[in-house]
C-alpha cells in the first residue's frame, strides 16, 4: 500500500463536498459503488455550517440502555481515551492526522442515550478528532458547536443513560455501512464515504478531474443553450454528454456508462 495521504491532500479533499468526492471515487474503485463505502441509511448533519470533515476513522461501540457495561469495565473510558490519543501510531497514520470517531450504537432502532455532548466533544478535540459519525444521538448541540466538533447523527436526545465504550478499535456498522479502523472518511450534510485503503492515493486527482470535466462539458453546455431552439439545445447537450464520457473513459481507462 502507498503512504497515507498528506495533511495538504486532506485539506484539498475538504474543499469539496462528499458527492464530488464520490464522483471521483466511483471512477477508480473496483468496489460496488451502490452498496459499499456509502451510508445506506439517512444521516443528519447537525453542523452543516462547518462544511465537510475529512479524517481517519477511530471506531467504538456503545449500548446506553445496558447498565451492565459500566460495571464490567470500570476503566473503559480511560482505556478508550488512551486508544484515541495513541491511534496514529496504532493505525499507522502520520502524526497529527485528523481523526473521525465512528460510533455504533447497539440500541437501534430506539435511541436511549448519548455518549456525546460538551465534555466528550472537547476531550476528543484535544485528542486530534474533528468530529463524530454516530448512528445514535448527540446532545449539548450549542456546546459541541462551540468546541468546533462536527457531528453526524440520527437525532438529538436529553440524557446519556449508561453510555460507555463497550469495545473499540474494531469494525463497526453505522447507517447500514461497515467501517474499519483507519479508513479515510469524507462526510458532510449529504452523508459519508468510507474510502477503501487501496483507493486513497488516486482519490484527490479523480475527484478534481471529474469536477472539472463536469464544468467544462455538461454544465458549460447547459449554460450556453439560452435562446436556442429545443433541437439545437438537445444536440449541444448530447454532444457535451459524449465529450464528458469520453474524457472520463480516457482518463481512467475504463468503459462502462461513460465509455
Protein backbone atom coordinates (compact mmCIF):
# COMPACT_ATOMS: atom_id res chain seq x y z
CA UNK A 1 0.00 0.00 0.00
CA UNK A 2 1.25 3.55 -0.73
CA UNK A 3 1.78 6.00 2.16
CA UNK A 4 -1.28 7.62 3.73
CA UNK A 5 -2.34 10.98 2.38
CA UNK A 6 -0.52 14.10 3.49
CA UNK A 7 -2.19 16.78 5.55
CA UNK A 8 -2.12 19.01 2.46
CA UNK A 9 -4.03 16.37 0.48
CA UNK A 10 -6.61 16.08 3.24
CA UNK A 11 -7.09 19.86 3.24
CA UNK A 12 -7.71 19.79 -0.50
CA UNK A 13 -10.23 16.95 -0.14
CA UNK A 14 -12.01 19.03 2.49
CA UNK A 15 -12.64 21.77 -0.09
CA UNK A 16 -15.12 19.55 -1.95
CA UNK A 17 -18.47 18.19 -0.86
CA UNK A 18 -18.89 14.46 -0.35
CA UNK A 19 -20.84 13.85 -3.60
CA UNK A 20 -17.93 15.36 -5.54
CA UNK A 21 -15.52 13.01 -3.79
CA UNK A 22 -17.84 10.12 -4.59
CA UNK A 23 -17.89 11.13 -8.28
CA UNK A 24 -14.13 10.69 -8.37
CA UNK A 25 -14.09 7.55 -6.24
CA UNK A 26 -16.51 5.67 -8.48
CA UNK A 27 -14.11 6.12 -11.39
CA UNK A 28 -11.17 4.44 -9.65
CA UNK A 29 -12.68 1.78 -7.41
CA UNK A 30 -13.31 -1.90 -8.05
CA UNK A 31 -15.87 -1.96 -5.23
CA UNK A 32 -19.65 -1.90 -5.65
CA UNK A 33 -20.44 1.82 -5.72
CA UNK A 34 -24.14 1.10 -5.00
CA UNK A 35 -23.55 -0.71 -1.69
CA UNK A 36 -20.01 -0.19 -0.41
CA UNK A 37 -18.40 2.82 1.20
CA UNK A 38 -21.52 4.99 1.44
CA UNK A 39 -24.15 5.25 4.17
CA UNK A 40 -27.22 3.23 3.19
CA UNK A 41 -29.48 4.90 5.75
CA UNK A 42 -30.31 8.57 6.19
CA UNK A 43 -27.91 10.65 8.25
CA UNK A 44 -28.33 14.10 9.74
CA UNK A 45 -25.57 16.68 9.83
CA UNK A 46 -26.10 18.83 12.90
CA UNK A 47 -23.32 21.25 11.93
CA UNK A 48 -23.72 21.80 8.16
CA UNK A 49 -22.21 25.28 8.54
CA UNK A 50 -18.87 23.63 9.37
CA UNK A 51 -18.72 22.14 5.88
CA UNK A 52 -17.23 18.73 5.11
CA UNK A 53 -15.00 16.85 7.52
CA UNK A 54 -12.14 14.60 6.47
CA UNK A 55 -10.16 12.25 8.67
CA UNK A 56 -9.24 8.69 9.54
CA UNK A 57 -11.72 6.50 11.39
CA UNK A 58 -11.31 5.59 15.03
CA UNK A 59 -14.08 3.20 15.98
CA UNK A 60 -16.12 2.41 19.08
CA UNK A 61 -19.34 0.65 20.09
CA UNK A 62 -21.80 1.77 22.79
CA UNK A 63 -25.07 0.46 24.25
CA UNK A 64 -26.52 3.17 26.52
CA UNK A 65 -29.54 1.06 27.53
CA UNK A 66 -27.37 -1.59 29.17
CA UNK A 67 -26.40 -0.72 32.74
CA UNK A 68 -24.05 -3.72 32.96
CA UNK A 69 -21.40 -2.32 30.64
CA UNK A 70 -20.06 0.34 33.05
CA UNK A 71 -19.88 -2.32 35.77
CA UNK A 72 -17.97 -4.84 33.67
CA UNK A 73 -15.08 -2.49 32.96
CA UNK A 74 -14.68 0.40 35.36
CA UNK A 75 -11.73 1.65 33.30
CA UNK A 76 -13.48 1.56 29.92
CA UNK A 77 -13.41 5.31 29.38
CA UNK A 78 -9.75 5.56 30.42
CA UNK A 79 -8.73 2.73 28.10
CA UNK A 80 -10.77 4.10 25.22
CA UNK A 81 -9.31 7.59 25.61
CA UNK A 82 -5.82 6.09 25.51
CA UNK A 83 -6.74 4.44 22.20
CA UNK A 84 -7.92 7.79 20.79
CA UNK A 85 -4.77 9.61 21.84
CA UNK A 86 -2.46 6.85 20.52
CA UNK A 87 -4.41 5.99 17.38
CA UNK A 88 -1.93 7.47 14.89
CA UNK A 89 0.81 5.05 15.94
CA UNK A 90 -1.56 2.10 16.27
CA UNK A 91 -3.17 2.64 12.86
CA UNK A 92 -0.03 3.68 11.00
CA UNK A 93 -1.19 7.26 10.43
CA UNK A 94 1.06 10.31 10.10
CA UNK A 95 1.40 12.10 13.43
CA UNK A 96 -1.24 14.80 13.81
CA UNK A 97 -3.63 13.26 11.29
CA UNK A 98 -7.25 14.36 11.79
CA UNK A 99 -9.46 11.58 13.14
CA UNK A 100 -13.20 11.00 12.95
CA UNK A 101 -14.91 8.91 15.60
CA UNK A 102 -17.22 6.35 14.02
CA UNK A 103 -19.53 5.09 16.77
CA UNK A 104 -22.01 2.24 16.51
CA UNK A 105 -24.98 2.45 18.88
CA UNK A 106 -26.38 -1.02 19.60
CA UNK A 107 -29.70 0.38 20.82
CA UNK A 108 -31.13 0.84 17.33
CA UNK A 109 -33.88 1.48 16.37
CA UNK A 110 -34.52 3.06 19.78
CA UNK A 111 -32.18 5.80 20.98
CA UNK A 112 -31.80 5.61 24.76
CA UNK A 113 -28.94 7.98 25.49
CA UNK A 114 -25.90 9.72 24.06
CA UNK A 115 -22.16 9.48 24.62
CA UNK A 116 -21.80 12.89 23.00
CA UNK A 117 -22.01 16.37 24.43
CA UNK A 118 -19.85 19.25 25.60
CA UNK A 119 -17.39 17.15 27.60
CA UNK A 120 -16.64 14.44 25.06
CA UNK A 121 -16.52 16.93 22.21
CA UNK A 122 -13.76 18.87 23.96
CA UNK A 123 -11.88 15.75 25.08
CA UNK A 124 -11.90 14.25 21.60
CA UNK A 125 -10.89 17.59 20.10
CA UNK A 126 -7.87 17.54 22.39
CA UNK A 127 -7.14 14.02 21.13
CA UNK A 128 -6.99 15.16 17.50
CA UNK A 129 -10.54 14.26 16.45
CA UNK A 130 -12.51 16.66 14.27
CA UNK A 131 -15.94 15.09 14.55
CA UNK A 132 -18.12 12.05 15.02
CA UNK A 133 -20.43 9.88 12.95
CA UNK A 134 -22.80 8.08 15.33
CA UNK A 135 -25.91 6.14 14.40
CA UNK A 136 -27.43 7.15 17.73
CA UNK A 137 -27.87 10.55 19.35
CA UNK A 138 -25.95 13.62 20.42
CA UNK A 139 -26.79 16.33 22.96
CA UNK A 140 -25.37 19.71 24.06
CA UNK A 141 -25.62 20.88 20.47
CA UNK A 142 -24.61 24.50 21.11
CA UNK A 143 -21.67 23.45 23.26
CA UNK A 144 -20.46 20.96 20.65
CA UNK A 145 -20.64 23.77 18.10
CA UNK A 146 -18.60 25.99 20.39
CA UNK A 147 -15.98 23.24 20.64
CA UNK A 148 -15.73 23.15 16.83
CA UNK A 149 -16.63 19.46 16.83
CA UNK A 150 -18.79 18.28 13.94
CA UNK A 151 -21.49 15.65 14.49
CA UNK A 152 -23.40 13.50 12.05
CA UNK A 153 -26.00 11.51 13.94
CA UNK A 154 -29.51 10.11 13.90
CA UNK A 155 -31.15 12.56 16.31
CA UNK A 156 -30.82 14.68 19.46
CA UNK A 157 -31.57 13.45 22.97
CA UNK A 158 -31.52 14.72 26.56
CA UNK A 159 -29.63 12.15 28.63
CA UNK A 160 -26.56 9.94 28.46
CA UNK A 161 -28.14 6.89 30.13
CA UNK A 162 -25.40 4.24 30.60
CA UNK A 163 -23.29 5.27 27.61
CA UNK A 164 -19.76 3.98 27.86
CA UNK A 165 -17.37 2.27 25.44
CA UNK A 166 -18.19 -1.41 25.04
CA UNK A 167 -15.40 -2.18 22.57
CA UNK A 168 -13.20 -0.10 20.30
CA UNK A 169 -10.61 -0.36 17.52
CA UNK A 170 -12.92 -2.81 15.77
CA UNK A 171 -15.07 -2.95 12.66
CA UNK A 172 -18.37 -1.12 13.23
CA UNK A 173 -21.60 -0.78 11.27
CA UNK A 174 -23.18 2.66 11.14
CA UNK A 175 -26.10 3.78 8.99
CA UNK A 176 -26.00 0.43 7.21
CA UNK A 177 -22.31 0.61 6.25
CA UNK A 178 -19.32 -1.24 7.71
CA UNK A 179 -16.32 0.94 8.61
CA UNK A 180 -12.87 -0.27 9.60
CA UNK A 181 -10.41 1.48 11.91
CA UNK A 182 -8.05 3.68 9.93
CA UNK A 183 -10.31 4.12 6.90
CA UNK A 184 -10.28 7.56 5.32
CA UNK A 185 -13.69 9.22 5.83
CA UNK A 186 -15.23 12.13 3.94
CA UNK A 187 -18.54 13.35 5.34
CA UNK A 188 -20.95 16.27 5.11
CA UNK A 189 -24.67 17.05 5.07
CA UNK A 190 -25.23 14.52 2.28
CA UNK A 191 -23.81 11.55 4.22
CA UNK A 192 -20.41 9.90 4.34
CA UNK A 193 -17.97 7.93 2.21
CA UNK A 194 -15.55 5.43 3.77
CA UNK A 195 -12.78 5.06 1.21
CA UNK A 196 -11.17 1.63 0.76
CA UNK A 197 -7.47 1.76 1.57
CA UNK A 198 -6.36 0.91 -1.98
CA UNK A 199 -8.35 3.84 -3.42
CA UNK A 200 -6.82 6.59 -1.28
CA UNK A 201 -3.84 7.54 -3.41
CA UNK A 202 -5.84 8.33 -6.58
CA UNK A 203 -8.84 9.89 -4.87
CA UNK A 204 -7.92 13.58 -4.96
CA UNK A 205 -6.92 13.54 -8.62
CA UNK A 206 -10.06 11.61 -9.58
CA UNK A 207 -12.39 13.98 -7.73
CA UNK A 208 -10.82 17.15 -9.09
CA UNK A 209 -10.70 15.74 -12.62
CA UNK A 210 -14.36 14.75 -12.62
CA UNK A 211 -15.44 18.12 -11.19
CA UNK A 212 -13.51 19.96 -13.91
CA UNK A 213 -14.90 17.56 -16.51
CA UNK A 214 -18.46 18.43 -15.46
CA UNK A 215 -17.77 22.16 -15.53
CA UNK A 216 -16.05 22.08 -18.92
CA UNK A 217 -18.64 19.93 -20.70
CA UNK A 218 -22.14 19.35 -19.30
CA UNK A 219 -22.53 22.45 -17.18
CA UNK A 220 -20.92 24.72 -19.75
CA UNK A 221 -23.21 23.36 -22.47
CA UNK A 222 -26.30 23.78 -20.31
CA UNK A 223 -25.41 27.40 -19.62
CA UNK A 224 -24.90 28.14 -23.31
CA UNK A 225 -28.30 26.95 -24.53
CA UNK A 226 -30.22 30.17 -23.76
CA UNK A 227 -32.23 31.38 -26.72
CA UNK A 228 -31.61 28.31 -28.85
CA UNK A 229 -34.24 26.02 -30.31
CA UNK A 230 -35.04 22.84 -28.46
CA UNK A 231 -33.49 20.80 -31.24
CA UNK A 232 -30.24 22.77 -31.07
CA UNK A 233 -30.24 22.62 -27.27
CA UNK A 234 -30.56 18.84 -27.30
CA UNK A 235 -27.84 18.46 -29.90
CA UNK A 236 -25.49 20.60 -27.83
CA UNK A 237 -26.26 18.79 -24.59
CA UNK A 238 -25.95 15.34 -26.15
CA UNK A 239 -22.60 16.31 -27.65
CA UNK A 240 -21.43 17.58 -24.24
CA UNK A 241 -22.53 14.32 -22.61
CA UNK A 242 -20.49 12.33 -25.11
CA UNK A 243 -17.42 14.51 -24.53
CA UNK A 244 -17.88 14.15 -20.78
CA UNK A 245 -18.00 10.36 -21.04
CA UNK A 246 -15.09 10.15 -23.44
CA UNK A 247 -12.90 12.31 -21.20
CA UNK A 248 -13.65 10.16 -18.16
CA UNK A 249 -13.13 6.91 -20.05
CA UNK A 250 -9.80 8.13 -21.42
CA UNK A 251 -8.52 9.49 -18.10
CA UNK A 252 -9.40 6.40 -16.09
CA UNK A 253 -9.01 3.86 -18.89
CA UNK A 254 -12.38 2.30 -18.33
CA UNK A 255 -15.57 1.90 -20.28
CA UNK A 256 -18.96 1.42 -18.70
CA UNK A 257 -21.62 4.07 -18.84
CA UNK A 258 -19.09 6.83 -19.61
CA UNK A 259 -17.34 4.78 -22.31
